[in-house]
Amino acid sequence: VYGPAGELQTAEERHKVFTAMAGTFPGRG
């Protein structure tokens, strides 16, 4: 329901966040 950019609305957004789990995520700062 939520990703780095906020609320996830579409299936494409959910899939993009899910497959990105193989990498790393930057912080807010």
PDB file of all heavy atoms in Angstrom:
ATOM      1  N   VAL A   1       0.815  -1.220   0.000  1.00  0.00           N
ATOM      2  CA  VAL A   1       0.000   0.000   0.000  1.00  0.00           C
ATOM      3  C   VAL A   1       0.849   1.270   0.000  1.00  0.00           C
ATOM      4  O   VAL A   1       0.384   2.320  -0.431  1.00  0.00           O
ATOM      5  CB  VAL A   1      -0.967   0.007   1.209  1.00  0.00           C
ATOM      6  CG1 VAL A   1      -2.037  -1.049   1.036  1.00  0.00           C
ATOM      7  CG2 VAL A   1      -0.222  -0.205   2.524  1.00  0.00           C
ATOM      8  N   TYR A   2       2.098   1.185   0.497  1.00  0.00           N
ATOM      9  CA  TYR A   2       2.983   2.347   0.509  1.00  0.00           C
ATOM     10  C   TYR A   2       4.355   1.946  -0.005  1.00  0.00           C
ATOM     11  O   TYR A   2       4.840   0.836   0.251  1.00  0.00           O
ATOM     12  CB  TYR A   2       3.123   2.934   1.918  1.00  0.00           C
ATOM     13  CG  TYR A   2       1.842   3.475   2.498  1.00  0.00           C
ATOM     14  CD1 TYR A   2       1.204   2.808   3.547  1.00  0.00           C
ATOM     15  CD2 TYR A   2       1.257   4.638   2.011  1.00  0.00           C
ATOM     16  CE1 TYR A   2       0.026   3.288   4.082  1.00  0.00           C
ATOM     17  CE2 TYR A   2       0.076   5.123   2.548  1.00  0.00           C
ATOM     18  CZ  TYR A   2      -0.533   4.449   3.578  1.00  0.00           C
ATOM     19  OH  TYR A   2      -1.708   4.924   4.104  1.00  0.00           O
ATOM     20  N   GLY A   3       4.990   2.869  -0.718  1.00  0.00           N
ATOM     21  CA  GLY A   3       6.344   2.692  -1.199  1.00  0.00           C
ATOM     22  C   GLY A   3       7.195   3.901  -0.846  1.00  0.00           C
ATOM     23  O   GLY A   3       6.738   4.804  -0.124  1.00  0.00           O
ATOM     24  N   PRO A   4       8.428   3.964  -1.326  1.00  0.00           N
ATOM     25  CA  PRO A   4       9.298   5.112  -1.011  1.00  0.00           C
ATOM     26  C   PRO A   4       8.705   6.450  -1.426  1.00  0.00           C
ATOM     27  O   PRO A   4       8.982   7.483  -0.800  1.00  0.00           O
ATOM     28  CB  PRO A   4      10.574   4.796  -1.801  1.00  0.00           C
ATOM     29  CG  PRO A   4      10.565   3.317  -1.972  1.00  0.00           C
ATOM     30  CD  PRO A   4       9.122   2.936  -2.114  1.00  0.00           C
ATOM     31  N   ALA A   5       7.898   6.464  -2.489  1.00  0.00           N
ATOM     32  CA  ALA A   5       7.330   7.718  -2.978  1.00  0.00           C
ATOM     33  C   ALA A   5       5.945   8.003  -2.415  1.00  0.00           C
ATOM     34  O   ALA A   5       5.320   9.001  -2.780  1.00  0.00           O
ATOM     35  CB  ALA A   5       7.267   7.701  -4.506  1.00  0.00           C
ATOM     36  N   GLY A   6       5.447   7.148  -1.528  1.00  0.00           N
ATOM     37  CA  GLY A   6       4.131   7.379  -0.945  1.00  0.00           C
ATOM     38  C   GLY A   6       3.162   6.256  -1.258  1.00  0.00           C
ATOM     39  O   GLY A   6       3.569   5.101  -1.463  1.00  0.00           O
ATOM     40  N   GLU A   7       1.885   6.594  -1.310  1.00  0.00           N
ATOM     41  CA  GLU A   7       0.858   5.578  -1.521  1.00  0.00           C
ATOM     42  C   GLU A   7       0.952   4.988  -2.915  1.00  0.00           C
ATOM     43  O   GLU A   7       1.170   5.698  -3.902  1.00  0.00           O
ATOM     44  CB  GLU A   7      -0.524   6.187  -1.297  1.00  0.00           C
ATOM     45  CG  GLU A   7      -1.655   5.168  -1.345  1.00  0.00           C
ATOM     46  CD  GLU A   7      -2.993   5.778  -0.980  1.00  0.00           C
ATOM     47  OE1 GLU A   7      -3.030   6.991  -0.694  1.00  0.00           O
ATOM     48  OE2 GLU A   7      -3.998   5.040  -0.978  1.00  0.00           O
ATOM     49  N   LEU A   8       0.783   3.668  -2.997  1.00  0.00           N
ATOM     50  CA  LEU A   8       0.847   2.953  -4.276  1.00  0.00           C
ATOM     51  C   LEU A   8      -0.565   2.783  -4.809  1.00  0.00           C
ATOM     52  O   LEU A   8      -1.430   2.209  -4.143  1.00  0.00           O
ATOM     53  CB  LEU A   8       1.524   1.597  -4.092  1.00  0.00           C
ATOM     54  CG  LEU A   8       2.947   1.634  -3.513  1.00  0.00           C
ATOM     55  CD1 LEU A   8       3.467   0.227  -3.272  1.00  0.00           C
ATOM     56  CD2 LEU A   8       3.881   2.388  -4.450  1.00  0.00           C
ATOM     57  N   GLN A   9      -0.797   3.259  -6.035  1.00  0.00           N
ATOM     58  CA  GLN A   9      -2.134   3.262  -6.604  1.00  0.00           C
ATOM     59  C   GLN A   9      -2.350   2.164  -7.634  1.00  0.00           C
ATOM     60  O   GLN A   9      -3.448   1.609  -7.737  1.00  0.00           O
ATOM     61  CB  GLN A   9      -2.415   4.626  -7.262  1.00  0.00           C
ATOM     62  CG  GLN A   9      -2.324   5.801  -6.318  1.00  0.00           C
ATOM     63  CD  GLN A   9      -3.491   5.866  -5.361  1.00  0.00           C
ATOM     64  OE1 GLN A   9      -4.489   5.170  -5.527  1.00  0.00           O
ATOM     65  NE2 GLN A   9      -3.382   6.698  -4.330  1.00  0.00           N
ATOM     66  N   THR A  10      -1.320   1.821  -8.406  1.00  0.00           N
ATOM     67  CA  THR A  10      -1.485   0.896  -9.526  1.00  0.00           C
ATOM     68  C   THR A  10      -0.664  -0.370  -9.314  1.00  0.00           C
ATOM     69  O   THR A  10       0.259  -0.410  -8.491  1.00  0.00           O
ATOM     70  CB  THR A  10      -1.068   1.562 -10.840  1.00  0.00           C
ATOM     71  OG1 THR A  10       0.337   1.854 -10.801  1.00  0.00           O
ATOM     72  CG2 THR A  10      -1.846   2.854 -11.058  1.00  0.00           C
ATOM     73  N   ALA A  11      -1.000  -1.395 -10.091  1.00  0.00           N
ATOM     74  CA  ALA A  11      -0.256  -2.653 -10.023  1.00  0.00           C
ATOM     75  C   ALA A  11       1.176  -2.467 -10.506  1.00  0.00           C
ATOM     76  O   ALA A  11       2.104  -3.116 -10.002  1.00  0.00           O
ATOM     77  CB  ALA A  11      -0.966  -3.712 -10.864  1.00  0.00           C
ATOM     78  N   GLU A  12       1.385  -1.564 -11.472  1.00  0.00           N
ATOM     79  CA  GLU A  12       2.744  -1.310 -11.955  1.00  0.00           C
ATOM     80  C   GLU A  12       3.623  -0.695 -10.869  1.00  0.00           C
ATOM     81  O   GLU A  12       4.800  -1.048 -10.729  1.00  0.00           O
ATOM     82  CB  GLU A  12       2.696  -0.380 -13.179  1.00  0.00           C
ATOM     83  CG  GLU A  12       2.107  -1.013 -14.429  1.00  0.00           C
ATOM     84  CD  GLU A  12       0.582  -1.103 -14.377  1.00  0.00           C
ATOM     85  OE1 GLU A  12      -0.018  -0.476 -13.463  1.00  0.00           O
ATOM     86  OE2 GLU A  12       0.006  -1.806 -15.228  1.00  0.00           O
ATOM     87  N   GLU A  13       3.058   0.205 -10.090  1.00  0.00           N
ATOM     88  CA  GLU A  13       3.818   0.823  -8.998  1.00  0.00           C
ATOM     89  C   GLU A  13       4.186  -0.220  -7.940  1.00  0.00           C
ATOM     90  O   GLU A  13       5.313  -0.223  -7.432  1.00  0.00           O
ATOM     91  CB  GLU A  13       2.998   1.956  -8.367  1.00  0.00           C
ATOM     92  CG  GLU A  13       2.805   3.153  -9.281  1.00  0.00           C
ATOM     93  CD  GLU A  13       1.922   4.206  -8.653  1.00  0.00           C
ATOM     94  OE1 GLU A  13       1.262   3.892  -7.624  1.00  0.00           O
ATOM     95  OE2 GLU A  13       1.868   5.337  -9.167  1.00  0.00           O
ATOM     96  N   ARG A  14       3.259  -1.094  -7.615  1.00  0.00           N
ATOM     97  CA  ARG A  14       3.544  -2.149  -6.630  1.00  0.00           C
ATOM     98  C   ARG A  14       4.626  -3.086  -7.144  1.00  0.00           C
ATOM     99  O   ARG A  14       5.529  -3.473  -6.393  1.00  0.00           O
ATOM    100  CB  ARG A  14       2.264  -2.919  -6.319  1.00  0.00           C
ATOM    101  CG  ARG A  14       1.157  -2.079  -5.682  1.00  0.00           C
ATOM    102  CD  ARG A  14      -0.016  -2.957  -5.271  1.00  0.00           C
ATOM    103  NE  ARG A  14      -1.114  -2.157  -4.747  1.00  0.00           N
ATOM    104  CZ  ARG A  14      -2.152  -1.735  -5.475  1.00  0.00           C
ATOM    105  NH1 ARG A  14      -2.220  -2.060  -6.761  1.00  0.00           N
ATOM    106  NH2 ARG A  14      -3.099  -1.009  -4.925  1.00  0.00           N
ATOM    107  N   HIS A  15       4.547  -3.459  -8.415  1.00  0.00           N
ATOM    108  CA  HIS A  15       5.541  -4.377  -8.977  1.00  0.00           C
ATOM    109  C   HIS A  15       6.917  -3.731  -9.004  1.00  0.00           C
ATOM    110  O   HIS A  15       7.929  -4.394  -8.735  1.00  0.00           O
ATOM    111  CB  HIS A  15       5.116  -4.783 -10.394  1.00  0.00           C
ATOM    112  CG  HIS A  15       6.009  -5.814 -11.007  1.00  0.00           C
ATOM    113  ND1 HIS A  15       5.981  -7.134 -10.630  1.00  0.00           N
ATOM    114  CD2 HIS A  15       6.981  -5.708 -11.960  1.00  0.00           C
ATOM    115  CE1 HIS A  15       6.888  -7.808 -11.325  1.00  0.00           C
ATOM    116  NE2 HIS A  15       7.503  -6.969 -12.138  1.00  0.00           N
ATOM    117  N   LYS A  16       6.983  -2.460  -9.308  1.00  0.00           N
ATOM    118  CA  LYS A  16       8.274  -1.765  -9.354  1.00  0.00           C
ATOM    119  C   LYS A  16       8.926  -1.729  -7.980  1.00  0.00           C
ATOM    120  O   LYS A  16      10.134  -1.993  -7.846  1.00  0.00           O
ATOM    121  CB  LYS A  16       8.067  -0.342  -9.885  1.00  0.00           C
ATOM    122  CG  LYS A  16       9.365   0.437 -10.036  1.00  0.00           C
ATOM    123  CD  LYS A  16       9.089   1.821 -10.616  1.00  0.00           C
ATOM    124  CE  LYS A  16      10.395   2.602 -10.764  1.00  0.00           C
ATOM    125  NZ  LYS A  16      10.149   3.959 -11.329  1.00  0.00           N
ATOM    126  N   VAL A  17       8.153  -1.418  -6.945  1.00  0.00           N
ATOM    127  CA  VAL A  17       8.695  -1.392  -5.582  1.00  0.00           C
ATOM    128  C   VAL A  17       9.109  -2.792  -5.154  1.00  0.00           C
ATOM    129  O   VAL A  17      10.169  -2.984  -4.541  1.00  0.00           O
ATOM    130  CB  VAL A  17       7.649  -0.809  -4.597  1.00  0.00           C
ATOM    131  CG1 VAL A  17       8.111  -0.978  -3.152  1.00  0.00           C
ATOM    132  CG2 VAL A  17       7.403   0.664  -4.905  1.00  0.00           C
ATOM    133  N   PHE A  18       8.311  -3.788  -5.495  1.00  0.00           N
ATOM    134  CA  PHE A  18       8.597  -5.153  -5.057  1.00  0.00           C
ATOM    135  C   PHE A  18       9.877  -5.681  -5.692  1.00  0.00           C
ATOM    136  O   PHE A  18      10.733  -6.258  -5.009  1.00  0.00           O
ATOM    137  CB  PHE A  18       7.413  -6.055  -5.401  1.00  0.00           C
ATOM    138  CG  PHE A  18       7.482  -7.405  -4.762  1.00  0.00           C
ATOM    139  CD1 PHE A  18       7.140  -7.577  -3.435  1.00  0.00           C
ATOM    140  CD2 PHE A  18       7.890  -8.513  -5.480  1.00  0.00           C
ATOM    141  CE1 PHE A  18       7.207  -8.823  -2.829  1.00  0.00           C
ATOM    142  CE2 PHE A  18       7.964  -9.763  -4.895  1.00  0.00           C
ATOM    143  CZ  PHE A  18       7.627  -9.916  -3.564  1.00  0.00           C
ATOM    144  N   THR A  19      10.031  -5.528  -6.987  1.00  0.00           N
ATOM    145  CA  THR A  19      11.231  -6.032  -7.658  1.00  0.00           C
ATOM    146  C   THR A  19      12.480  -5.240  -7.277  1.00  0.00           C
ATOM    147  O   THR A  19      13.595  -5.755  -7.369  1.00  0.00           O
ATOM    148  CB  THR A  19      11.041  -5.995  -9.182  1.00  0.00           C
ATOM    149  OG1 THR A  19      10.656  -4.669  -9.586  1.00  0.00           O
ATOM    150  CG2 THR A  19       9.962  -6.974  -9.602  1.00  0.00           C
ATOM    151  N   ALA A  20      12.298  -3.996  -6.812  1.00  0.00           N
ATOM    152  CA  ALA A  20      13.449  -3.192  -6.386  1.00  0.00           C
ATOM    153  C   ALA A  20      14.035  -3.683  -5.074  1.00  0.00           C
ATOM    154  O   ALA A  20      15.105  -3.206  -4.657  1.00  0.00           O
ATOM    155  CB  ALA A  20      13.041  -1.723  -6.254  1.00  0.00           C
ATOM    156  N   MET A  21      13.386  -4.646  -4.423  1.00  0.00           N
ATOM    157  CA  MET A  21      13.908  -5.194  -3.170  1.00  0.00           C
ATOM    158  C   MET A  21      15.271  -5.849  -3.353  1.00  0.00           C
ATOM    159  O   MET A  21      16.012  -6.054  -2.395  1.00  0.00           O
ATOM    160  CB  MET A  21      12.928  -6.217  -2.602  1.00  0.00           C
ATOM    161  CG  MET A  21      11.667  -5.630  -2.022  1.00  0.00           C
ATOM    162  SD  MET A  21      11.971  -4.704  -0.515  1.00  0.00           S
ATOM    163  CE  MET A  21      12.517  -6.020   0.568  1.00  0.00           C
ATOM    164  N   ALA A  22      15.621  -6.194  -4.580  1.00  0.00           N
ATOM    165  CA  ALA A  22      16.921  -6.807  -4.831  1.00  0.00           C
ATOM    166  C   ALA A  22      18.062  -5.797  -4.685  1.00  0.00           C
ATOM    167  O   ALA A  22      19.226  -6.196  -4.573  1.00  0.00           O
ATOM    168  CB  ALA A  22      16.948  -7.419  -6.236  1.00  0.00           C
ATOM    169  N   GLY A  23      17.773  -4.508  -4.682  1.00  0.00           N
ATOM    170  CA  GLY A  23      18.808  -3.482  -4.567  1.00  0.00           C
ATOM    171  C   GLY A  23      18.779  -2.789  -3.225  1.00  0.00           C
ATOM    172  O   GLY A  23      18.386  -3.359  -2.205  1.00  0.00           O
ATOM    173  N   THR A  24      19.183  -1.519  -3.229  1.00  0.00           N
ATOM    174  CA  THR A  24      19.202  -0.710  -2.012  1.00  0.00           C
ATOM    175  C   THR A  24      18.299   0.498  -2.190  1.00  0.00           C
ATOM    176  O   THR A  24      17.934   0.872  -3.310  1.00  0.00           O
ATOM    177  CB  THR A  24      20.620  -0.243  -1.682  1.00  0.00           C
ATOM    178  OG1 THR A  24      21.153   0.502  -2.806  1.00  0.00           O
ATOM    179  CG2 THR A  24      21.529  -1.433  -1.385  1.00  0.00           C
ATOM    180  N   PHE A  25      17.961   1.132  -1.054  1.00  0.00           N
ATOM    181  CA  PHE A  25      17.049   2.267  -1.066  1.00  0.00           C
ATOM    182  C   PHE A  25      17.708   3.459  -0.376  1.00  0.00           C
ATOM    183  O   PHE A  25      18.234   3.324   0.734  1.00  0.00           O
ATOM    184  CB  PHE A  25      15.744   1.906  -0.347  1.00  0.00           C
ATOM    185  CG  PHE A  25      14.911   0.893  -1.080  1.00  0.00           C
ATOM    186  CD1 PHE A  25      15.192  -0.459  -0.978  1.00  0.00           C
ATOM    187  CD2 PHE A  25      13.858   1.299  -1.886  1.00  0.00           C
ATOM    188  CE1 PHE A  25      14.433  -1.395  -1.650  1.00  0.00           C
ATOM    189  CE2 PHE A  25      13.090   0.369  -2.567  1.00  0.00           C
ATOM    190  CZ  PHE A  25      13.385  -0.974  -2.443  1.00  0.00           C
ATOM    191  N   PRO A  26      17.696   4.626  -1.010  1.00  0.00           N
ATOM    192  CA  PRO A  26      18.269   5.818  -0.378  1.00  0.00           C
ATOM    193  C   PRO A  26      17.356   6.335   0.727  1.00  0.00           C
ATOM    194  O   PRO A  26      16.165   6.026   0.772  1.00  0.00           O
ATOM    195  CB  PRO A  26      18.364   6.816  -1.531  1.00  0.00           C
ATOM    196  CG  PRO A  26      17.256   6.403  -2.465  1.00  0.00           C
ATOM    197  CD  PRO A  26      17.167   4.905  -2.357  1.00  0.00           C
ATOM    198  N   GLY A  27      17.926   7.152   1.617  1.00  0.00           N
ATOM    199  CA  GLY A  27      17.141   7.750   2.678  1.00  0.00           C
ATOM    200  C   GLY A  27      16.435   9.011   2.223  1.00  0.00           C
ATOM    201  O   GLY A  27      16.485   9.399   1.051  1.00  0.00           O
ATOM    202  N   ARG A  28      15.801   9.686   3.160  1.00  0.00           N
ATOM    203  CA  ARG A  28      15.068  10.892   2.823  1.00  0.00           C
ATOM    204  C   ARG A  28      15.996  12.086   2.653  1.00  0.00           C
ATOM    205  O   ARG A  28      15.709  13.013   1.888  1.00  0.00           O
ATOM    206  CB  ARG A  28      14.033  11.176   3.912  1.00  0.00           C
ATOM    207  CG  ARG A  28      12.956  10.109   4.023  1.00  0.00           C
ATOM    208  CD  ARG A  28      11.973  10.423   5.133  1.00  0.00           C
ATOM    209  NE  ARG A  28      10.892   9.427   5.189  1.00  0.00           N
ATOM    210  CZ  ARG A  28       9.922   9.427   6.087  1.00  0.00           C
ATOM    211  NH1 ARG A  28       9.883  10.396   7.000  1.00  0.00           N
ATOM    212  NH2 ARG A  28       8.991   8.492   6.076  1.00  0.00           N
ATOM    213  N   GLY A  29      17.111  12.077   3.382  1.00  0.00           N
ATOM    214  CA  GLY A  29      18.067  13.167   3.295  1.00  0.00           C
ATOM    215  C   GLY A  29      19.177  12.882   2.285  1.00  0.00           C
ATOM    216  O   GLY A  29      19.455  11.718   1.972  1.00  0.00           O
TER     217      GLY A  29
END
